[in-house]
Amino acid sequence: MTVAQIFVALDFAGIFLFALSGGIIAARKHLDAFGAAVIGAVAGMGGGTIRDMILGDLPVYWVDAPQYLVVALVGGVVGYYGSEIVRGEIGARRRALEWADAGGLGVFCVIGAQAGLAAGVHWSIALVTGVMSAAFGGLLRDIIVNDVPLVLRADIYALAALFGAVIYVASVSLGLGESIAAPCAALAAFILRGCAIIWKWSLPPIGKVD
């Protein structure tokens, strides 16, 4: 598999996983299937859309490749109806949402960092585009359904995306091939986010301020 094929596969996987999380939230919010498809599309493609706009890469990636939109819409609907399978289990929907979101985050922090490097920006900006790609789709998703965005809560979330982006950029800078750097960095971000989910890792909040 070539490097280009690896990134295309990661991109599709990330879009589907984030769209899946959108569909799960739509079911939890008692929306209909159309609403799930819309939320799935926003979650799956929102971060990459904002990334391309920031980098001046227009039209954004899915305009010339509508198959990404199809994957996002399907992911949203699958998440919507699939969440009904675990509806009766306490906390099962939330766990499914968190793990689907973690998978998308792991993939997109690498995709975003790679897009930044490909655009010729400074490595620090590539880290920003990595975090942006990983976090902003979920941010838009949560805002639309009137939830406090997951990225703004105490859980290790954006830091996991930054961790993956740093590993990818550092690995490429040190000469490690992208075919190795990309999946390793995505896996590292996913593992850190997964540990935060399992063991409730979080940054210490300031506490209540009177």
N, C-alpha and C. Protein backbone atom coordinates (compact mmCIF):
# COMPACT_ATOMS: atom_id res chain seq x y z
N MET A 1 0.85 -1.20 0.00
CA MET A 1 0.00 0.00 0.00
C MET A 1 0.88 1.25 0.00
N THR A 2 0.61 2.17 -0.91
CA THR A 2 1.40 3.39 -0.99
C THR A 2 1.03 4.35 0.13
N VAL A 3 1.88 5.38 0.31
CA VAL A 3 1.61 6.39 1.33
C VAL A 3 0.28 7.09 1.06
N ALA A 4 0.03 7.42 -0.21
CA ALA A 4 -1.22 8.09 -0.57
C ALA A 4 -2.42 7.23 -0.21
N GLN A 5 -2.33 5.95 -0.48
CA GLN A 5 -3.43 5.04 -0.16
C GLN A 5 -3.65 4.92 1.34
N ILE A 6 -2.56 4.96 2.11
CA ILE A 6 -2.67 4.89 3.56
C ILE A 6 -3.44 6.11 4.08
N PHE A 7 -3.12 7.29 3.57
CA PHE A 7 -3.80 8.50 4.04
C PHE A 7 -5.26 8.55 3.59
N VAL A 8 -5.54 8.05 2.41
CA VAL A 8 -6.94 7.98 1.95
C VAL A 8 -7.73 7.04 2.86
N ALA A 9 -7.14 5.88 3.18
CA ALA A 9 -7.82 4.93 4.06
C ALA A 9 -8.04 5.52 5.45
N LEU A 10 -7.03 6.21 5.98
CA LEU A 10 -7.17 6.87 7.28
C LEU A 10 -8.26 7.93 7.24
N ASP A 11 -8.29 8.69 6.15
CA ASP A 11 -9.28 9.75 6.02
C ASP A 11 -10.69 9.20 6.04
N PHE A 12 -10.93 8.16 5.25
CA PHE A 12 -12.26 7.54 5.23
C PHE A 12 -12.62 6.97 6.60
N ALA A 13 -11.64 6.33 7.25
CA ALA A 13 -11.91 5.75 8.57
C ALA A 13 -12.25 6.84 9.58
N GLY A 14 -11.50 7.94 9.56
CA GLY A 14 -11.76 9.03 10.49
C GLY A 14 -13.12 9.66 10.28
N ILE A 15 -13.47 9.89 9.03
CA ILE A 15 -14.78 10.48 8.72
C ILE A 15 -15.90 9.56 9.19
N PHE A 16 -15.76 8.27 8.91
CA PHE A 16 -16.81 7.33 9.31
C PHE A 16 -16.96 7.27 10.83
N LEU A 17 -15.85 7.24 11.55
CA LEU A 17 -15.91 7.13 13.01
C LEU A 17 -16.51 8.37 13.64
N PHE A 18 -16.11 9.55 13.16
CA PHE A 18 -16.69 10.77 13.70
C PHE A 18 -18.18 10.88 13.33
N ALA A 19 -18.52 10.49 12.09
CA ALA A 19 -19.92 10.50 11.69
C ALA A 19 -20.73 9.52 12.53
N LEU A 20 -20.13 8.38 12.85
CA LEU A 20 -20.77 7.40 13.73
C LEU A 20 -21.10 8.03 15.08
N SER A 21 -20.16 8.80 15.62
CA SER A 21 -20.41 9.47 16.90
C SER A 21 -21.55 10.47 16.78
N GLY A 22 -21.62 11.14 15.63
CA GLY A 22 -22.73 12.08 15.40
C GLY A 22 -24.07 11.38 15.38
N GLY A 23 -24.12 10.21 14.74
CA GLY A 23 -25.37 9.45 14.70
C GLY A 23 -25.78 8.97 16.08
N ILE A 24 -24.82 8.56 16.90
CA ILE A 24 -25.12 8.11 18.26
C ILE A 24 -25.71 9.26 19.08
N ILE A 25 -25.11 10.45 18.95
CA ILE A 25 -25.63 11.61 19.67
C ILE A 25 -27.03 11.96 19.18
N ALA A 26 -27.25 11.86 17.87
CA ALA A 26 -28.58 12.15 17.32
C ALA A 26 -29.64 11.23 17.92
N ALA A 27 -29.30 9.95 18.10
CA ALA A 27 -30.23 9.01 18.72
C ALA A 27 -30.47 9.38 20.18
N ARG A 28 -29.42 9.77 20.86
CA ARG A 28 -29.55 10.15 22.27
C ARG A 28 -30.40 11.40 22.43
N LYS A 29 -30.35 12.28 21.44
CA LYS A 29 -31.12 13.52 21.48
C LYS A 29 -32.51 13.36 20.85
N HIS A 30 -32.86 12.13 20.47
CA HIS A 30 -34.19 11.82 19.90
C HIS A 30 -34.45 12.56 18.59
N LEU A 31 -33.40 12.72 17.76
CA LEU A 31 -33.59 13.28 16.43
C LEU A 31 -34.03 12.17 15.48
N ASP A 32 -34.39 12.54 14.25
CA ASP A 32 -34.77 11.51 13.28
C ASP A 32 -33.54 11.12 12.46
N ALA A 33 -33.74 10.21 11.51
CA ALA A 33 -32.62 9.69 10.72
C ALA A 33 -31.98 10.79 9.87
N PHE A 34 -32.79 11.72 9.37
CA PHE A 34 -32.23 12.82 8.58
C PHE A 34 -31.33 13.69 9.45
N GLY A 35 -31.79 13.97 10.66
CA GLY A 35 -30.98 14.73 11.59
C GLY A 35 -29.67 14.02 11.90
N ALA A 36 -29.73 12.69 12.01
CA ALA A 36 -28.53 11.91 12.28
C ALA A 36 -27.55 12.01 11.13
N ALA A 37 -28.07 11.99 9.90
CA ALA A 37 -27.19 12.11 8.74
C ALA A 37 -26.52 13.48 8.70
N VAL A 38 -27.27 14.52 9.03
CA VAL A 38 -26.71 15.88 9.04
C VAL A 38 -25.65 16.01 10.13
N ILE A 39 -25.97 15.56 11.34
CA ILE A 39 -25.01 15.65 12.44
C ILE A 39 -23.78 14.80 12.13
N GLY A 40 -23.99 13.65 11.51
CA GLY A 40 -22.87 12.81 11.11
C GLY A 40 -21.96 13.49 10.11
N ALA A 41 -22.56 14.18 9.13
CA ALA A 41 -21.77 14.90 8.12
C ALA A 41 -20.98 16.03 8.75
N VAL A 42 -21.59 16.75 9.67
CA VAL A 42 -20.90 17.84 10.35
C VAL A 42 -19.74 17.32 11.18
N ALA A 43 -20.00 16.26 11.93
CA ALA A 43 -18.96 15.68 12.78
C ALA A 43 -17.82 15.08 11.95
N GLY A 44 -18.19 14.41 10.87
CA GLY A 44 -17.18 13.73 10.06
C GLY A 44 -16.32 14.66 9.22
N MET A 45 -16.91 15.76 8.72
CA MET A 45 -16.19 16.60 7.78
C MET A 45 -15.92 18.02 8.27
N GLY A 46 -16.47 18.36 9.44
CA GLY A 46 -16.34 19.73 9.92
C GLY A 46 -14.92 20.16 10.19
N GLY A 47 -14.15 19.29 10.88
CA GLY A 47 -12.78 19.65 11.21
C GLY A 47 -11.92 19.81 9.98
N GLY A 48 -12.04 18.89 9.03
CA GLY A 48 -11.27 18.98 7.80
C GLY A 48 -11.66 20.17 6.95
N THR A 49 -12.95 20.52 6.98
CA THR A 49 -13.41 21.69 6.22
C THR A 49 -12.78 22.97 6.76
N ILE A 50 -12.81 23.14 8.08
CA ILE A 50 -12.20 24.34 8.69
C ILE A 50 -10.70 24.35 8.44
N ARG A 51 -10.06 23.18 8.55
CA ARG A 51 -8.62 23.08 8.28
C ARG A 51 -8.28 23.56 6.87
N ASP A 52 -9.02 23.09 5.87
CA ASP A 52 -8.75 23.50 4.49
C ASP A 52 -8.98 24.99 4.28
N MET A 53 -9.98 25.54 4.94
CA MET A 53 -10.25 26.97 4.82
C MET A 53 -9.11 27.78 5.43
N ILE A 54 -8.59 27.33 6.58
CA ILE A 54 -7.49 28.02 7.22
C ILE A 54 -6.23 27.97 6.36
N LEU A 55 -5.98 26.83 5.74
CA LEU A 55 -4.80 26.65 4.91
C LEU A 55 -4.97 27.25 3.51
N GLY A 56 -6.17 27.71 3.19
CA GLY A 56 -6.43 28.26 1.87
C GLY A 56 -6.51 27.21 0.78
N ASP A 57 -6.80 25.99 1.16
CA ASP A 57 -6.90 24.88 0.21
C ASP A 57 -8.35 24.77 -0.25
N LEU A 58 -8.71 25.58 -1.24
CA LEU A 58 -10.10 25.67 -1.70
C LEU A 58 -10.20 25.25 -3.16
N PRO A 59 -11.36 24.63 -3.53
CA PRO A 59 -12.47 24.25 -2.65
C PRO A 59 -12.05 23.15 -1.67
N VAL A 60 -12.77 23.06 -0.56
CA VAL A 60 -12.40 22.09 0.48
C VAL A 60 -12.48 20.67 -0.10
N TYR A 61 -11.82 19.76 0.57
CA TYR A 61 -11.53 18.43 0.01
C TYR A 61 -12.73 17.66 -0.48
N TRP A 62 -13.87 17.77 0.21
CA TRP A 62 -15.00 16.91 -0.14
C TRP A 62 -15.82 17.46 -1.31
N VAL A 63 -15.57 18.69 -1.72
CA VAL A 63 -16.30 19.26 -2.86
C VAL A 63 -15.92 18.52 -4.15
N ASP A 64 -14.63 18.23 -4.30
CA ASP A 64 -14.17 17.53 -5.49
C ASP A 64 -14.20 16.01 -5.32
N ALA A 65 -14.51 15.55 -4.12
CA ALA A 65 -14.56 14.10 -3.86
C ALA A 65 -15.80 13.79 -3.03
N PRO A 66 -16.98 13.80 -3.66
CA PRO A 66 -18.23 13.64 -2.92
C PRO A 66 -18.38 12.30 -2.21
N GLN A 67 -17.48 11.35 -2.49
CA GLN A 67 -17.55 10.07 -1.78
C GLN A 67 -17.32 10.25 -0.28
N TYR A 68 -16.59 11.32 0.10
CA TYR A 68 -16.41 11.60 1.52
C TYR A 68 -17.75 11.96 2.17
N LEU A 69 -18.56 12.72 1.44
CA LEU A 69 -19.89 13.08 1.96
C LEU A 69 -20.75 11.84 2.11
N VAL A 70 -20.67 10.93 1.15
CA VAL A 70 -21.45 9.69 1.23
C VAL A 70 -21.05 8.88 2.47
N VAL A 71 -19.74 8.77 2.71
CA VAL A 71 -19.25 8.03 3.88
C VAL A 71 -19.76 8.67 5.17
N ALA A 72 -19.74 10.00 5.22
CA ALA A 72 -20.19 10.71 6.42
C ALA A 72 -21.69 10.50 6.65
N LEU A 73 -22.48 10.59 5.60
CA LEU A 73 -23.92 10.41 5.74
C LEU A 73 -24.24 8.98 6.18
N VAL A 74 -23.56 8.01 5.57
CA VAL A 74 -23.79 6.61 5.93
C VAL A 74 -23.36 6.37 7.38
N GLY A 75 -22.22 6.94 7.78
CA GLY A 75 -21.75 6.78 9.14
C GLY A 75 -22.74 7.32 10.15
N GLY A 76 -23.33 8.48 9.84
CA GLY A 76 -24.32 9.07 10.74
C GLY A 76 -25.54 8.18 10.91
N VAL A 77 -26.02 7.63 9.81
CA VAL A 77 -27.21 6.78 9.86
C VAL A 77 -26.90 5.45 10.57
N VAL A 78 -25.71 4.90 10.29
CA VAL A 78 -25.31 3.65 10.96
C VAL A 78 -25.20 3.86 12.47
N GLY A 79 -24.60 4.97 12.87
CA GLY A 79 -24.51 5.28 14.30
C GLY A 79 -25.88 5.45 14.93
N TYR A 80 -26.79 6.06 14.19
CA TYR A 80 -28.14 6.32 14.69
C TYR A 80 -28.90 5.02 14.96
N TYR A 81 -28.94 4.15 13.95
CA TYR A 81 -29.69 2.89 14.11
C TYR A 81 -28.89 1.86 14.91
N GLY A 82 -27.57 1.89 14.79
CA GLY A 82 -26.76 0.96 15.55
C GLY A 82 -26.82 1.20 17.04
N SER A 83 -27.01 2.46 17.43
CA SER A 83 -27.07 2.77 18.86
C SER A 83 -28.31 2.17 19.52
N GLU A 84 -29.31 1.85 18.73
CA GLU A 84 -30.52 1.22 19.28
C GLU A 84 -30.23 -0.18 19.81
N ILE A 85 -29.18 -0.81 19.29
CA ILE A 85 -28.85 -2.17 19.72
C ILE A 85 -28.44 -2.18 21.19
N VAL A 86 -27.77 -1.12 21.62
CA VAL A 86 -27.27 -1.07 23.00
C VAL A 86 -28.09 -0.09 23.85
N ARG A 87 -29.26 0.27 23.36
CA ARG A 87 -30.04 1.29 24.04
C ARG A 87 -30.38 0.92 25.48
N GLY A 88 -30.65 -0.35 25.73
CA GLY A 88 -31.07 -0.74 27.06
C GLY A 88 -29.95 -0.90 28.05
N GLU A 89 -28.71 -0.90 27.59
CA GLU A 89 -27.58 -1.08 28.49
C GLU A 89 -27.18 0.25 29.09
N ILE A 90 -27.00 0.28 30.40
CA ILE A 90 -26.67 1.52 31.10
C ILE A 90 -25.31 2.03 30.64
N GLY A 91 -25.29 3.24 30.14
CA GLY A 91 -24.04 3.88 29.73
C GLY A 91 -23.45 3.35 28.44
N ALA A 92 -24.11 2.38 27.78
CA ALA A 92 -23.52 1.77 26.59
C ALA A 92 -23.42 2.77 25.45
N ARG A 93 -24.44 3.60 25.29
CA ARG A 93 -24.41 4.59 24.22
C ARG A 93 -23.27 5.58 24.42
N ARG A 94 -23.10 5.99 25.66
CA ARG A 94 -22.04 6.94 25.96
C ARG A 94 -20.67 6.32 25.69
N ARG A 95 -20.49 5.06 26.06
CA ARG A 95 -19.22 4.40 25.81
C ARG A 95 -18.97 4.25 24.32
N ALA A 96 -20.01 3.88 23.57
CA ALA A 96 -19.86 3.75 22.12
C ALA A 96 -19.47 5.08 21.50
N LEU A 97 -20.11 6.16 21.98
CA LEU A 97 -19.80 7.50 21.49
C LEU A 97 -18.35 7.86 21.77
N GLU A 98 -17.91 7.62 23.00
CA GLU A 98 -16.55 7.99 23.39
C GLU A 98 -15.50 7.24 22.57
N TRP A 99 -15.73 5.94 22.33
CA TRP A 99 -14.72 5.16 21.61
C TRP A 99 -14.74 5.46 20.11
N ALA A 100 -15.91 5.71 19.54
CA ALA A 100 -15.96 6.13 18.13
C ALA A 100 -15.27 7.46 17.96
N ASP A 101 -15.50 8.37 18.89
CA ASP A 101 -14.89 9.69 18.86
C ASP A 101 -13.37 9.57 19.02
N ALA A 102 -12.92 8.68 19.91
CA ALA A 102 -11.49 8.48 20.12
C ALA A 102 -10.80 7.96 18.85
N GLY A 103 -11.49 7.07 18.13
CA GLY A 103 -10.93 6.56 16.89
C GLY A 103 -10.80 7.65 15.84
N GLY A 104 -11.83 8.47 15.71
CA GLY A 104 -11.77 9.58 14.76
C GLY A 104 -10.69 10.58 15.13
N LEU A 105 -10.56 10.86 16.41
CA LEU A 105 -9.54 11.79 16.89
C LEU A 105 -8.14 11.30 16.54
N GLY A 106 -7.89 10.02 16.76
CA GLY A 106 -6.58 9.46 16.47
C GLY A 106 -6.20 9.59 15.00
N VAL A 107 -7.16 9.36 14.14
CA VAL A 107 -6.91 9.44 12.70
C VAL A 107 -6.72 10.89 12.25
N PHE A 108 -7.62 11.77 12.67
CA PHE A 108 -7.63 13.11 12.11
C PHE A 108 -6.51 14.01 12.62
N CYS A 109 -5.95 13.72 13.80
CA CYS A 109 -4.82 14.52 14.24
C CYS A 109 -3.64 14.32 13.30
N VAL A 110 -3.51 13.12 12.74
CA VAL A 110 -2.45 12.83 11.78
C VAL A 110 -2.78 13.42 10.40
N ILE A 111 -4.02 13.24 9.96
CA ILE A 111 -4.44 13.78 8.67
C ILE A 111 -4.25 15.30 8.64
N GLY A 112 -4.64 15.96 9.73
CA GLY A 112 -4.52 17.42 9.79
C GLY A 112 -3.08 17.88 9.82
N ALA A 113 -2.24 17.18 10.58
CA ALA A 113 -0.81 17.54 10.63
C ALA A 113 -0.15 17.32 9.27
N GLN A 114 -0.52 16.24 8.60
CA GLN A 114 0.04 15.97 7.27
C GLN A 114 -0.38 17.04 6.27
N ALA A 115 -1.64 17.48 6.37
CA ALA A 115 -2.12 18.53 5.47
C ALA A 115 -1.34 19.83 5.69
N GLY A 116 -1.05 20.15 6.95
CA GLY A 116 -0.28 21.34 7.25
C GLY A 116 1.12 21.27 6.68
N LEU A 117 1.80 20.13 6.87
CA LEU A 117 3.16 19.97 6.33
C LEU A 117 3.14 20.02 4.80
N ALA A 118 2.12 19.40 4.20
CA ALA A 118 2.03 19.39 2.74
C ALA A 118 1.81 20.80 2.19
N ALA A 119 1.16 21.66 2.99
CA ALA A 119 0.92 23.04 2.56
C ALA A 119 2.15 23.92 2.76
N GLY A 120 3.19 23.37 3.38
CA GLY A 120 4.43 24.11 3.56
C GLY A 120 4.46 25.06 4.74
N VAL A 121 3.53 24.89 5.69
CA VAL A 121 3.51 25.79 6.84
C VAL A 121 4.56 25.33 7.86
N HIS A 122 4.85 26.20 8.84
CA HIS A 122 5.77 25.88 9.91
C HIS A 122 5.25 24.67 10.69
N TRP A 123 6.18 23.88 11.27
CA TRP A 123 5.76 22.67 11.97
C TRP A 123 4.78 22.97 13.10
N SER A 124 4.91 24.12 13.75
CA SER A 124 3.98 24.46 14.84
C SER A 124 2.56 24.65 14.33
N ILE A 125 2.43 25.19 13.13
CA ILE A 125 1.10 25.36 12.52
C ILE A 125 0.54 24.00 12.11
N ALA A 126 1.43 23.10 11.70
CA ALA A 126 0.98 21.74 11.36
C ALA A 126 0.39 21.05 12.59
N LEU A 127 0.96 21.33 13.77
CA LEU A 127 0.38 20.79 15.00
C LEU A 127 -1.01 21.37 15.24
N VAL A 128 -1.16 22.66 14.97
CA VAL A 128 -2.47 23.32 15.14
C VAL A 128 -3.49 22.72 14.18
N THR A 129 -3.12 22.52 12.93
CA THR A 129 -4.07 21.95 11.97
C THR A 129 -4.40 20.50 12.32
N GLY A 130 -3.45 19.81 12.96
CA GLY A 130 -3.73 18.45 13.42
C GLY A 130 -4.79 18.44 14.50
N VAL A 131 -4.61 19.31 15.50
CA VAL A 131 -5.59 19.40 16.59
C VAL A 131 -6.93 19.90 16.06
N MET A 132 -6.88 20.86 15.15
CA MET A 132 -8.10 21.42 14.59
C MET A 132 -8.90 20.35 13.84
N SER A 133 -8.23 19.57 13.03
CA SER A 133 -8.92 18.51 12.28
C SER A 133 -9.54 17.49 13.22
N ALA A 134 -8.84 17.18 14.31
CA ALA A 134 -9.30 16.15 15.24
C ALA A 134 -10.42 16.63 16.14
N ALA A 135 -10.42 17.92 16.48
CA ALA A 135 -11.33 18.40 17.53
C ALA A 135 -12.52 19.21 17.03
N PHE A 136 -12.37 19.88 15.90
CA PHE A 136 -13.40 20.85 15.52
C PHE A 136 -14.66 20.23 14.96
N GLY A 137 -14.55 19.02 14.36
CA GLY A 137 -15.77 18.34 13.92
C GLY A 137 -16.66 18.00 15.10
N GLY A 138 -16.03 17.45 16.16
CA GLY A 138 -16.78 17.15 17.38
C GLY A 138 -17.28 18.40 18.07
N LEU A 139 -16.50 19.48 17.99
CA LEU A 139 -16.92 20.75 18.57
C LEU A 139 -18.21 21.25 17.92
N LEU A 140 -18.24 21.24 16.59
CA LEU A 140 -19.43 21.68 15.86
C LEU A 140 -20.61 20.75 16.14
N ARG A 141 -20.34 19.46 16.18
CA ARG A 141 -21.38 18.46 16.47
C ARG A 141 -22.05 18.74 17.81
N ASP A 142 -21.25 18.96 18.84
CA ASP A 142 -21.79 19.17 20.18
C ASP A 142 -22.52 20.50 20.30
N ILE A 143 -22.03 21.53 19.62
CA ILE A 143 -22.70 22.83 19.66
C ILE A 143 -24.08 22.73 19.03
N ILE A 144 -24.18 22.02 17.90
CA ILE A 144 -25.45 21.91 17.20
C ILE A 144 -26.51 21.22 18.07
N VAL A 145 -26.10 20.20 18.83
CA VAL A 145 -27.07 19.47 19.67
C VAL A 145 -27.14 20.05 21.08
N ASN A 146 -26.53 21.21 21.27
CA ASN A 146 -26.62 21.95 22.53
C ASN A 146 -25.99 21.20 23.71
N ASP A 147 -24.84 20.55 23.45
CA ASP A 147 -24.05 19.93 24.51
C ASP A 147 -22.81 20.79 24.75
N VAL A 148 -22.27 20.71 25.97
CA VAL A 148 -20.96 21.31 26.21
C VAL A 148 -19.95 20.52 25.39
N PRO A 149 -19.21 21.16 24.48
CA PRO A 149 -18.28 20.41 23.62
C PRO A 149 -17.31 19.56 24.41
N LEU A 150 -17.11 18.33 23.93
CA LEU A 150 -16.23 17.39 24.61
C LEU A 150 -14.82 17.94 24.74
N VAL A 151 -14.38 18.70 23.74
CA VAL A 151 -13.03 19.24 23.75
C VAL A 151 -12.83 20.27 24.86
N LEU A 152 -13.92 20.85 25.35
CA LEU A 152 -13.82 21.89 26.38
C LEU A 152 -13.99 21.33 27.78
N ARG A 153 -14.26 20.05 27.89
CA ARG A 153 -14.42 19.45 29.21
C ARG A 153 -13.06 19.08 29.80
N ALA A 154 -13.06 18.56 31.00
CA ALA A 154 -11.80 18.30 31.70
C ALA A 154 -11.05 17.09 31.15
N ASP A 155 -11.72 16.19 30.43
CA ASP A 155 -11.06 14.97 29.96
C ASP A 155 -9.87 15.30 29.05
N ILE A 156 -8.89 14.37 29.03
CA ILE A 156 -7.77 14.49 28.10
C ILE A 156 -8.31 14.24 26.69
N TYR A 157 -8.44 15.27 25.90
CA TYR A 157 -9.04 15.16 24.57
C TYR A 157 -8.16 15.86 23.54
N ALA A 158 -8.14 17.19 23.60
CA ALA A 158 -7.30 17.94 22.67
C ALA A 158 -5.82 17.61 22.88
N LEU A 159 -5.44 17.31 24.13
CA LEU A 159 -4.06 16.94 24.40
C LEU A 159 -3.69 15.62 23.72
N ALA A 160 -4.65 14.71 23.64
CA ALA A 160 -4.40 13.45 22.94
C ALA A 160 -4.18 13.71 21.45
N ALA A 161 -4.97 14.62 20.88
CA ALA A 161 -4.79 14.99 19.48
C ALA A 161 -3.43 15.65 19.26
N LEU A 162 -3.06 16.54 20.18
CA LEU A 162 -1.76 17.20 20.08
C LEU A 162 -0.63 16.19 20.20
N PHE A 163 -0.79 15.22 21.09
CA PHE A 163 0.21 14.17 21.27
C PHE A 163 0.44 13.40 19.97
N GLY A 164 -0.65 13.01 19.32
CA GLY A 164 -0.53 12.29 18.06
C GLY A 164 0.11 13.14 16.97
N ALA A 165 -0.29 14.42 16.91
CA ALA A 165 0.27 15.31 15.89
C ALA A 165 1.76 15.52 16.12
N VAL A 166 2.18 15.67 17.38
CA VAL A 166 3.60 15.84 17.70
C VAL A 166 4.40 14.61 17.28
N ILE A 167 3.88 13.43 17.58
CA ILE A 167 4.58 12.20 17.20
C ILE A 167 4.72 12.11 15.69
N TYR A 168 3.67 12.46 14.97
CA TYR A 168 3.74 12.38 13.50
C TYR A 168 4.75 13.37 12.94
N VAL A 169 4.64 14.63 13.35
CA VAL A 169 5.54 15.67 12.82
C VAL A 169 6.99 15.36 13.19
N ALA A 170 7.22 14.94 14.43
CA ALA A 170 8.58 14.61 14.88
C ALA A 170 9.14 13.41 14.10
N SER A 171 8.29 12.41 13.89
CA SER A 171 8.74 11.21 13.19
C SER A 171 9.12 11.53 11.74
N VAL A 172 8.30 12.34 11.08
CA VAL A 172 8.60 12.72 9.70
C VAL A 172 9.87 13.57 9.65
N SER A 173 10.01 14.48 10.61
CA SER A 173 11.20 15.34 10.65
C SER A 173 12.48 14.53 10.86
N LEU A 174 12.36 13.43 11.60
CA LEU A 174 13.52 12.58 11.87
C LEU A 174 13.78 11.57 10.74
N GLY A 175 12.96 11.63 9.70
CA GLY A 175 13.19 10.78 8.55
C GLY A 175 12.46 9.46 8.55
N LEU A 176 11.59 9.25 9.51
CA LEU A 176 10.80 8.02 9.52
C LEU A 176 9.75 8.11 8.42
N GLY A 177 9.59 7.05 7.67
CA GLY A 177 8.65 7.08 6.55
C GLY A 177 7.22 7.35 6.99
N GLU A 178 6.47 8.06 6.15
CA GLU A 178 5.09 8.40 6.48
C GLU A 178 4.22 7.16 6.64
N SER A 179 4.55 6.11 5.91
CA SER A 179 3.75 4.88 6.00
C SER A 179 3.86 4.24 7.40
N ILE A 180 4.93 4.56 8.11
CA ILE A 180 5.08 4.08 9.49
C ILE A 180 4.65 5.14 10.48
N ALA A 181 5.04 6.40 10.22
CA ALA A 181 4.75 7.50 11.14
C ALA A 181 3.25 7.72 11.31
N ALA A 182 2.50 7.65 10.23
CA ALA A 182 1.06 7.95 10.29
C ALA A 182 0.29 6.98 11.17
N PRO A 183 0.34 5.67 10.91
CA PRO A 183 -0.43 4.76 11.77
C PRO A 183 0.07 4.73 13.21
N CYS A 184 1.38 4.89 13.42
CA CYS A 184 1.91 4.88 14.78
C CYS A 184 1.42 6.10 15.56
N ALA A 185 1.42 7.26 14.93
CA ALA A 185 0.96 8.48 15.59
C ALA A 185 -0.53 8.41 15.88
N ALA A 186 -1.31 7.90 14.91
CA ALA A 186 -2.75 7.75 15.12
C ALA A 186 -3.04 6.80 16.27
N LEU A 187 -2.29 5.69 16.33
CA LEU A 187 -2.48 4.72 17.41
C LEU A 187 -2.10 5.33 18.76
N ALA A 188 -1.03 6.13 18.79
CA ALA A 188 -0.60 6.75 20.05
C ALA A 188 -1.67 7.70 20.58
N ALA A 189 -2.26 8.50 19.70
CA ALA A 189 -3.32 9.42 20.13
C ALA A 189 -4.54 8.65 20.62
N PHE A 190 -4.88 7.58 19.90
CA PHE A 190 -6.03 6.76 20.30
C PHE A 190 -5.79 6.11 21.66
N ILE A 191 -4.59 5.60 21.90
CA ILE A 191 -4.28 4.95 23.17
C ILE A 191 -4.36 5.95 24.32
N LEU A 192 -3.79 7.15 24.12
CA LEU A 192 -3.85 8.16 25.18
C LEU A 192 -5.29 8.55 25.48
N ARG A 193 -6.07 8.76 24.44
CA ARG A 193 -7.48 9.10 24.64
C ARG A 193 -8.23 7.94 25.30
N GLY A 194 -7.91 6.70 24.89
CA GLY A 194 -8.53 5.53 25.48
C GLY A 194 -8.20 5.39 26.95
N CYS A 195 -6.96 5.67 27.32
CA CYS A 195 -6.58 5.62 28.74
C CYS A 195 -7.36 6.66 29.53
N ALA A 196 -7.56 7.83 28.92
CA ALA A 196 -8.32 8.88 29.60
C ALA A 196 -9.77 8.46 29.81
N ILE A 197 -10.33 7.73 28.84
CA ILE A 197 -11.70 7.24 28.97
C ILE A 197 -11.80 6.18 30.07
N ILE A 198 -10.87 5.24 30.06
CA ILE A 198 -10.93 4.12 31.01
C ILE A 198 -10.65 4.56 32.44
N TRP A 199 -9.58 5.35 32.60
CA TRP A 199 -9.17 5.72 33.95
C TRP A 199 -9.54 7.15 34.35
N LYS A 200 -10.38 7.80 33.53
CA LYS A 200 -10.89 9.13 33.85
C LYS A 200 -9.78 10.16 34.05
N TRP A 201 -8.76 10.07 33.22
CA TRP A 201 -7.69 11.05 33.28
C TRP A 201 -8.21 12.41 32.85
N SER A 202 -7.80 13.43 33.53
CA SER A 202 -8.23 14.79 33.17
C SER A 202 -7.25 15.80 33.73
N LEU A 203 -7.29 16.99 33.18
CA LEU A 203 -6.51 18.09 33.73
C LEU A 203 -7.23 18.61 34.96
N PRO A 204 -6.51 19.01 35.97
CA PRO A 204 -7.18 19.51 37.19
C PRO A 204 -7.88 20.84 36.92
N PRO A 205 -9.19 20.92 37.18
CA PRO A 205 -9.90 22.19 36.98
C PRO A 205 -9.56 23.17 38.09
N ILE A 206 -9.83 24.45 37.87
CA ILE A 206 -9.53 25.47 38.86
C ILE A 206 -10.48 25.40 40.04
N GLY A 207 -11.63 24.76 39.83
CA GLY A 207 -12.63 24.68 40.90
C GLY A 207 -13.61 25.84 40.79
N LYS A 208 -14.54 25.86 41.69
CA LYS A 208 -15.58 26.87 41.68
C LYS A 208 -15.00 28.22 42.11
N VAL A 209 -15.27 29.23 41.31
CA VAL A 209 -14.80 30.59 41.62
C VAL A 209 -15.99 31.43 42.04
N ASP A 210 -15.96 31.99 43.22
CA ASP A 210 -17.08 32.79 43.71
C ASP A 210 -17.06 34.16 43.05
